[in-house]
Each structure stands twice: as C-alpha cells, then as structure tokens.
Amino acid sequence: AVLPTIEKMRNEVVKEGCLAKMAQRFHLPEAVLHAMRGRLLSRQPERAAVEIRETILREARTPMDEKTLLRLLLVEPRWVGLARQNLDLQDLRDRKVRMVVERIYEFFEAERAIDPAALVSSFEDEDVQSFVTACSQDDGVLTGDRERIFDDCLKRIHSSRERQQRQRIMTEMQAAEEKGDWETVRRLQEDFNTLIKK
C-alpha cells in the first residue's frame, strides 16, 4: 500500500511531493489522494486501503498491452528488431508473454524467420503452444495504425514497470524507516526521485 507508506514518512514536504507525483503518475486528482489520506488519519485505514487498491487497479493497464505487442511481433516480424532495442524481458509481467518474446528474440539473433509454426514447435509446454497459436491469429485486435499501437503498447508497458519499481522502493523505504536505517532511506529517496523525474 503506497499511501500508508507515504503517511509514515516524517517529513511533510516529502509527503506532499510524493502525493503530487503519485497523483500525476496514476492520473488521479490530488484531492482524491488527500481524501484517502484523511481516512487513514481518521482511523479508517482498511476502507482507505481498499479504495486505493481499487482506484489504482482501475487506472493500471492490464497485461493486454503485452499480449497485443506479442501479436504484433507474430503478425509483423519487422517490429522485432525495434522491440529488441526498446523492451527488456524484465519489463514484461506475464510469464507466457515473457517466454514467447524471449524465444522470438532468440530467433531474431539467430537470423531465423519469426514463423508462428516454428515458435509453437519450439515449446514443449502445450499451454504455451496454445497461447502462441491464439496470439498469432489476427482477430481484429490489430486494426488501425499498427505503428501507433506498437508505440502505445511500449509506453504503457514501461509505465507499468516504473510503477512497480516505485512501489518496491516505497516498501523498502518504509522498512528502512522502521529500522532507523537513515542511510538506506536517503539512498532510496534518491532512487525514488530519479524514477519520478523520468
């Protein structure tokens, strides 16, 4: 829970800065976050935590972006080189998408054709085989400007990765504060500030 973590910080200026950046990143009005913070302070943390989680889940992009990107790579292999330059495997949350994209990158580096049938046969796991087959079917999801779809998917995947990194840093910062490890808190604050400036 990010907001309760922010609330435990001792410096009010840092709290306000974190709330402002959180509102900007999650595309939420600051007033919503301040209202949730008020509930935390008025001893309704359970209700506030549920509202925070639901709001963030509504705003967060699902791995559908990852699946759409994978479909593009399967239907139009010309995107693979650009994806290889701009997308790390660790950016992908979905295990099957990550496995298939990793295999596509291997094919690309070996200068093998990115052929869905060859990809399917390269996996022993039947679940992954079915997943590749389903993703290779152009069922209308990729209608419109595919270059724009590709760019939008990359941006949202990177944004999701950055959100996860910020949440991890906030959790580690809270643990360090509770231990009184101020050197670690300072270092994590620097990491957090670097992330939110991107």
C-alpha atoms as a PDB file:
ATOM      1  CA  ALA A   1       0.000   0.000   0.000  1.00  0.00           C
ATOM      2  CA  VAL A   2       1.734   3.160  -1.199  1.00  0.00           C
ATOM      3  CA  LEU A   3      -0.352   5.790   0.605  1.00  0.00           C
ATOM      4  CA  PRO A   4       0.080   4.290   4.095  1.00  0.00           C
ATOM      5  CA  THR A   5       3.812   4.145   3.378  1.00  0.00           C
ATOM      6  CA  ILE A   6       3.859   7.837   2.451  1.00  0.00           C
ATOM      7  CA  GLU A   7       1.896   8.633   5.615  1.00  0.00           C
ATOM      8  CA  LYS A   8       4.602   7.041   7.769  1.00  0.00           C
ATOM      9  CA  MET A   9       7.225   9.455   6.432  1.00  0.00           C
ATOM     10  CA  ARG A  10       8.237  12.095   8.963  1.00  0.00           C
ATOM     11  CA  ASN A  11       8.881  14.981   6.557  1.00  0.00           C
ATOM     12  CA  GLU A  12       5.664  16.780   5.468  1.00  0.00           C
ATOM     13  CA  VAL A  13       7.338  18.349   2.421  1.00  0.00           C
ATOM     14  CA  VAL A  14       8.420  14.910   1.192  1.00  0.00           C
ATOM     15  CA  LYS A  15       4.884  13.598   1.846  1.00  0.00           C
ATOM     16  CA  GLU A  16       3.296  16.358  -0.240  1.00  0.00           C
ATOM     17  CA  GLY A  17       5.817  15.852  -3.033  1.00  0.00           C
ATOM     18  CA  CYS A  18       5.153  12.109  -3.106  1.00  0.00           C
ATOM     19  CA  LEU A  19       1.371  12.669  -3.140  1.00  0.00           C
ATOM     20  CA  ALA A  20       1.676  15.132  -6.034  1.00  0.00           C
ATOM     21  CA  LYS A  21       3.851  12.753  -8.062  1.00  0.00           C
ATOM     22  CA  MET A  22       1.589   9.798  -7.240  1.00  0.00           C
ATOM     23  CA  ALA A  23      -1.452  11.754  -8.453  1.00  0.00           C
ATOM     24  CA  GLN A  24       0.361  12.680 -11.656  1.00  0.00           C
ATOM     25  CA  ARG A  25       1.587   9.150 -12.378  1.00  0.00           C
ATOM     26  CA  PHE A  26      -1.763   7.459 -11.708  1.00  0.00           C
ATOM     27  CA  HIS A  27      -3.749  10.253 -13.431  1.00  0.00           C
ATOM     28  CA  LEU A  28      -5.735  10.896 -10.246  1.00  0.00           C
ATOM     29  CA  PRO A  29      -6.863  14.255  -8.823  1.00  0.00           C
ATOM     30  CA  GLU A  30      -4.748  15.173  -5.787  1.00  0.00           C
ATOM     31  CA  ALA A  31      -7.995  15.761  -3.888  1.00  0.00           C
ATOM     32  CA  VAL A  32      -8.777  12.028  -4.145  1.00  0.00           C
ATOM     33  CA  LEU A  33      -5.449  11.096  -2.577  1.00  0.00           C
ATOM     34  CA  HIS A  34      -5.865  13.728   0.160  1.00  0.00           C
ATOM     35  CA  ALA A  35      -9.342  12.359   0.932  1.00  0.00           C
ATOM     36  CA  MET A  36      -7.909   8.856   1.189  1.00  0.00           C
ATOM     37  CA  ARG A  37      -5.120  10.181   3.389  1.00  0.00           C
ATOM     38  CA  GLY A  38      -7.773  11.796   5.598  1.00  0.00           C
ATOM     39  CA  ARG A  39      -9.455   8.422   6.066  1.00  0.00           C
ATOM     40  CA  LEU A  40      -6.148   6.903   7.101  1.00  0.00           C
ATOM     41  CA  LEU A  41      -5.681   9.645   9.700  1.00  0.00           C
ATOM     42  CA  SER A  42      -9.278   9.263  10.934  1.00  0.00           C
ATOM     43  CA  ARG A  43      -8.647   5.594  11.750  1.00  0.00           C
ATOM     44  CA  GLN A  44     -10.360   4.083   8.725  1.00  0.00           C
ATOM     45  CA  PRO A  45      -7.228   2.530   7.188  1.00  0.00           C
ATOM     46  CA  GLU A  46      -8.991  -0.619   5.959  1.00  0.00           C
ATOM     47  CA  ARG A  47     -11.548   1.357   3.954  1.00  0.00           C
ATOM     48  CA  ALA A  48      -8.868   3.696   2.592  1.00  0.00           C
ATOM     49  CA  ALA A  49      -6.620   0.782   1.617  1.00  0.00           C
ATOM     50  CA  VAL A  50      -9.462  -0.894  -0.315  1.00  0.00           C
ATOM     51  CA  GLU A  51     -10.305   2.360  -2.132  1.00  0.00           C
ATOM     52  CA  ILE A  52      -6.665   2.990  -3.011  1.00  0.00           C
ATOM     53  CA  ARG A  53      -6.247  -0.534  -4.371  1.00  0.00           C
ATOM     54  CA  GLU A  54      -9.463  -0.357  -6.427  1.00  0.00           C
ATOM     55  CA  THR A  55      -8.610   3.072  -7.849  1.00  0.00           C
ATOM     56  CA  ILE A  56      -5.102   2.082  -8.853  1.00  0.00           C
ATOM     57  CA  LEU A  57      -6.306  -1.191 -10.392  1.00  0.00           C
ATOM     58  CA  ARG A  58      -8.847   0.719 -12.469  1.00  0.00           C
ATOM     59  CA  GLU A  59      -6.149   3.082 -13.707  1.00  0.00           C
ATOM     60  CA  ALA A  60      -3.436   0.494 -14.248  1.00  0.00           C
ATOM     61  CA  ARG A  61      -3.096  -1.130 -17.645  1.00  0.00           C
ATOM     62  CA  THR A  62      -3.567  -4.872 -17.798  1.00  0.00           C
ATOM     63  CA  PRO A  63      -1.116  -7.268 -19.466  1.00  0.00           C
ATOM     64  CA  MET A  64      -3.381  -6.962 -22.534  1.00  0.00           C
ATOM     65  CA  ASP A  65      -0.806  -4.438 -23.744  1.00  0.00           C
ATOM     66  CA  GLU A  66       1.814  -7.171 -23.541  1.00  0.00           C
ATOM     67  CA  LYS A  67      -0.370  -9.609 -25.453  1.00  0.00           C
ATOM     68  CA  THR A  68      -1.152  -7.014 -28.108  1.00  0.00           C
ATOM     69  CA  LEU A  69       2.558  -6.309 -28.531  1.00  0.00           C
ATOM     70  CA  LEU A  70       3.234 -10.038 -28.851  1.00  0.00           C
ATOM     71  CA  ARG A  71       0.527 -10.324 -31.530  1.00  0.00           C
ATOM     72  CA  LEU A  72       2.239  -7.544 -33.462  1.00  0.00           C
ATOM     73  CA  LEU A  73       5.574  -9.360 -33.279  1.00  0.00           C
ATOM     74  CA  LEU A  74       3.964 -12.564 -34.545  1.00  0.00           C
ATOM     75  CA  VAL A  75       1.881 -10.975 -37.303  1.00  0.00           C
ATOM     76  CA  GLU A  76       4.517  -8.441 -38.411  1.00  0.00           C
ATOM     77  CA  PRO A  77       8.026  -9.684 -37.550  1.00  0.00           C
ATOM     78  CA  ARG A  78       9.501  -6.405 -38.847  1.00  0.00           C
ATOM     79  CA  TRP A  79       8.811  -4.976 -35.357  1.00  0.00           C
ATOM     80  CA  VAL A  80      11.094  -7.483 -33.608  1.00  0.00           C
ATOM     81  CA  GLY A  81      14.330  -5.513 -34.047  1.00  0.00           C
ATOM     82  CA  LEU A  82      12.758  -2.351 -32.642  1.00  0.00           C
ATOM     83  CA  ALA A  83      11.205  -4.261 -29.752  1.00  0.00           C
ATOM     84  CA  ARG A  84      14.592  -5.853 -29.004  1.00  0.00           C
ATOM     85  CA  GLN A  85      16.132  -2.376 -28.708  1.00  0.00           C
ATOM     86  CA  ASN A  86      13.378  -0.895 -26.542  1.00  0.00           C
ATOM     87  CA  LEU A  87      11.936  -3.735 -24.471  1.00  0.00           C
ATOM     88  CA  ASP A  88      13.724  -5.804 -21.833  1.00  0.00           C
ATOM     89  CA  LEU A  89      12.250  -9.148 -20.836  1.00  0.00           C
ATOM     90  CA  GLN A  90      12.053  -7.924 -17.238  1.00  0.00           C
ATOM     91  CA  ASP A  91       9.582  -5.250 -18.411  1.00  0.00           C
ATOM     92  CA  LEU A  92       7.014  -7.992 -19.092  1.00  0.00           C
ATOM     93  CA  ARG A  93       4.803  -9.159 -16.220  1.00  0.00           C
ATOM     94  CA  ASP A  94       3.014 -12.022 -17.963  1.00  0.00           C
ATOM     95  CA  ARG A  95       5.062 -15.240 -17.726  1.00  0.00           C
ATOM     96  CA  LYS A  96       3.896 -16.709 -21.033  1.00  0.00           C
ATOM     97  CA  VAL A  97       4.371 -13.454 -22.926  1.00  0.00           C
ATOM     98  CA  ARG A  98       7.878 -13.197 -21.464  1.00  0.00           C
ATOM     99  CA  MET A  99       8.719 -16.772 -22.516  1.00  0.00           C
ATOM    100  CA  VAL A 100       7.482 -16.281 -26.073  1.00  0.00           C
ATOM    101  CA  VAL A 101       9.137 -12.876 -26.525  1.00  0.00           C
ATOM    102  CA  GLU A 102      12.401 -14.341 -25.240  1.00  0.00           C
ATOM    103  CA  ARG A 103      12.149 -17.114 -27.848  1.00  0.00           C
ATOM    104  CA  ILE A 104      11.343 -14.560 -30.563  1.00  0.00           C
ATOM    105  CA  TYR A 105      14.464 -12.604 -29.576  1.00  0.00           C
ATOM    106  CA  GLU A 106      16.493 -15.831 -29.814  1.00  0.00           C
ATOM    107  CA  PHE A 107      15.117 -16.475 -33.311  1.00  0.00           C
ATOM    108  CA  PHE A 108      15.927 -12.893 -34.293  1.00  0.00           C
ATOM    109  CA  GLU A 109      19.518 -13.111 -33.027  1.00  0.00           C
ATOM    110  CA  ALA A 110      19.990 -16.432 -34.847  1.00  0.00           C
ATOM    111  CA  GLU A 111      18.560 -14.795 -38.001  1.00  0.00           C
ATOM    112  CA  ARG A 112      15.756 -17.361 -38.114  1.00  0.00           C
ATOM    113  CA  ALA A 113      12.389 -16.446 -39.597  1.00  0.00           C
ATOM    114  CA  ILE A 114       9.821 -15.489 -36.946  1.00  0.00           C
ATOM    115  CA  ASP A 115       7.307 -18.107 -38.007  1.00  0.00           C
ATOM    116  CA  PRO A 116       4.417 -18.909 -35.606  1.00  0.00           C
ATOM    117  CA  ALA A 117       4.520 -22.621 -36.521  1.00  0.00           C
ATOM    118  CA  ALA A 118       8.254 -22.803 -35.764  1.00  0.00           C
ATOM    119  CA  LEU A 119       7.702 -20.951 -32.489  1.00  0.00           C
ATOM    120  CA  VAL A 120       4.924 -23.336 -31.469  1.00  0.00           C
ATOM    121  CA  SER A 121       7.097 -26.382 -32.133  1.00  0.00           C
ATOM    122  CA  SER A 122       9.986 -24.853 -30.166  1.00  0.00           C
ATOM    123  CA  PHE A 123       7.984 -25.174 -26.917  1.00  0.00           C
ATOM    124  CA  GLU A 124       7.197 -28.448 -25.167  1.00  0.00           C
ATOM    125  CA  ASP A 125       4.611 -26.891 -22.865  1.00  0.00           C
ATOM    126  CA  GLU A 126       1.199 -27.386 -24.531  1.00  0.00           C
ATOM    127  CA  ASP A 127      -0.233 -24.397 -22.682  1.00  0.00           C
ATOM    128  CA  VAL A 128       2.423 -22.132 -24.211  1.00  0.00           C
ATOM    129  CA  GLN A 129       1.898 -23.741 -27.630  1.00  0.00           C
ATOM    130  CA  SER A 130      -1.832 -22.948 -27.460  1.00  0.00           C
ATOM    131  CA  PHE A 131      -1.043 -19.423 -26.292  1.00  0.00           C
ATOM    132  CA  VAL A 132       1.289 -18.789 -29.262  1.00  0.00           C
ATOM    133  CA  THR A 133      -1.288 -20.197 -31.683  1.00  0.00           C
ATOM    134  CA  ALA A 134      -4.027 -17.969 -30.262  1.00  0.00           C
ATOM    135  CA  CYS A 135      -1.809 -14.872 -30.341  1.00  0.00           C
ATOM    136  CA  SER A 136      -0.771 -15.477 -33.935  1.00  0.00           C
ATOM    137  CA  GLN A 137      -4.387 -15.206 -35.138  1.00  0.00           C
ATOM    138  CA  ASP A 138      -5.216 -11.660 -36.265  1.00  0.00           C
ATOM    139  CA  ASP A 139      -8.732 -11.415 -34.810  1.00  0.00           C
ATOM    140  CA  GLY A 140      -9.261  -7.711 -35.401  1.00  0.00           C
ATOM    141  CA  VAL A 141      -7.379  -6.523 -32.313  1.00  0.00           C
ATOM    142  CA  LEU A 142      -4.678  -5.020 -34.535  1.00  0.00           C
ATOM    143  CA  THR A 143      -6.956  -2.851 -36.656  1.00  0.00           C
ATOM    144  CA  GLY A 144      -5.811   0.706 -37.258  1.00  0.00           C
ATOM    145  CA  ASP A 145      -2.357   2.255 -37.283  1.00  0.00           C
ATOM    146  CA  ARG A 146      -0.102  -0.603 -36.180  1.00  0.00           C
ATOM    147  CA  GLU A 147       2.888   1.676 -35.669  1.00  0.00           C
ATOM    148  CA  ARG A 148       0.883   3.713 -33.196  1.00  0.00           C
ATOM    149  CA  ILE A 149      -0.407   0.549 -31.499  1.00  0.00           C
ATOM    150  CA  PHE A 150       3.196  -0.665 -31.158  1.00  0.00           C
ATOM    151  CA  ASP A 151       4.394   2.658 -29.678  1.00  0.00           C
ATOM    152  CA  ASP A 152       1.429   2.874 -27.279  1.00  0.00           C
ATOM    153  CA  CYS A 153       1.994  -0.680 -26.027  1.00  0.00           C
ATOM    154  CA  LEU A 154       5.684   0.010 -25.378  1.00  0.00           C
ATOM    155  CA  LYS A 155       4.885   3.207 -23.465  1.00  0.00           C
ATOM    156  CA  ARG A 156       2.271   1.533 -21.271  1.00  0.00           C
ATOM    157  CA  ILE A 157       4.494  -1.472 -20.541  1.00  0.00           C
ATOM    158  CA  HIS A 158       7.341   0.836 -19.498  1.00  0.00           C
ATOM    159  CA  SER A 159       4.948   2.910 -17.382  1.00  0.00           C
ATOM    160  CA  SER A 160       3.718  -0.233 -15.619  1.00  0.00           C
ATOM    161  CA  ARG A 161       7.291  -1.307 -14.916  1.00  0.00           C
ATOM    162  CA  GLU A 162       8.112   2.111 -13.423  1.00  0.00           C
ATOM    163  CA  ARG A 163       5.028   1.917 -11.169  1.00  0.00           C
ATOM    164  CA  GLN A 164       6.189  -1.447  -9.853  1.00  0.00           C
ATOM    165  CA  GLN A 165       9.672  -0.058  -9.195  1.00  0.00           C
ATOM    166  CA  ARG A 166       8.251   2.924  -7.271  1.00  0.00           C
ATOM    167  CA  GLN A 167       6.059   0.660  -5.152  1.00  0.00           C
ATOM    168  CA  ARG A 168       9.040  -1.574  -4.359  1.00  0.00           C
ATOM    169  CA  ILE A 169      11.147   1.430  -3.335  1.00  0.00           C
ATOM    170  CA  MET A 170       8.353   2.782  -1.103  1.00  0.00           C
ATOM    171  CA  THR A 171       8.037  -0.593   0.635  1.00  0.00           C
ATOM    172  CA  GLU A 172      11.798  -0.803   1.183  1.00  0.00           C
ATOM    173  CA  MET A 173      11.845   2.804   2.424  1.00  0.00           C
ATOM    174  CA  GLN A 174       9.153   2.044   4.990  1.00  0.00           C
ATOM    175  CA  ALA A 175      11.078  -0.989   6.248  1.00  0.00           C
ATOM    176  CA  ALA A 176      14.288   1.066   6.493  1.00  0.00           C
ATOM    177  CA  GLU A 177      12.482   3.852   8.409  1.00  0.00           C
ATOM    178  CA  GLU A 178      11.083   1.336  10.882  1.00  0.00           C
ATOM    179  CA  LYS A 179      14.616   0.022  11.479  1.00  0.00           C
ATOM    180  CA  GLY A 180      16.047   3.531  11.780  1.00  0.00           C
ATOM    181  CA  ASP A 181      18.374   2.891   8.843  1.00  0.00           C
ATOM    182  CA  TRP A 182      18.520   6.503   7.650  1.00  0.00           C
ATOM    183  CA  GLU A 183      21.366   5.961   5.192  1.00  0.00           C
ATOM    184  CA  THR A 184      19.228   3.420   3.304  1.00  0.00           C
ATOM    185  CA  VAL A 185      16.219   5.773   3.498  1.00  0.00           C
ATOM    186  CA  ARG A 186      18.311   8.579   1.960  1.00  0.00           C
ATOM    187  CA  ARG A 187      19.563   6.311  -0.830  1.00  0.00           C
ATOM    188  CA  LEU A 188      16.047   5.029  -1.563  1.00  0.00           C
ATOM    189  CA  GLN A 189      14.682   8.591  -1.633  1.00  0.00           C
ATOM    190  CA  GLU A 190      17.292   9.437  -4.266  1.00  0.00           C
ATOM    191  CA  ASP A 191      16.271   6.355  -6.277  1.00  0.00           C
ATOM    192  CA  PHE A 192      12.601   7.326  -5.940  1.00  0.00           C
ATOM    193  CA  ASN A 193      13.278  10.918  -7.051  1.00  0.00           C
ATOM    194  CA  THR A 194      15.237   9.652 -10.060  1.00  0.00           C
ATOM    195  CA  LEU A 195      12.287   7.461 -11.088  1.00  0.00           C
ATOM    196  CA  ILE A 196       9.631  10.166 -10.751  1.00  0.00           C
ATOM    197  CA  LYS A 197      11.720  12.610 -12.809  1.00  0.00           C
ATOM    198  CA  LYS A 198      11.719  10.273 -15.825  1.00  0.00           C
END
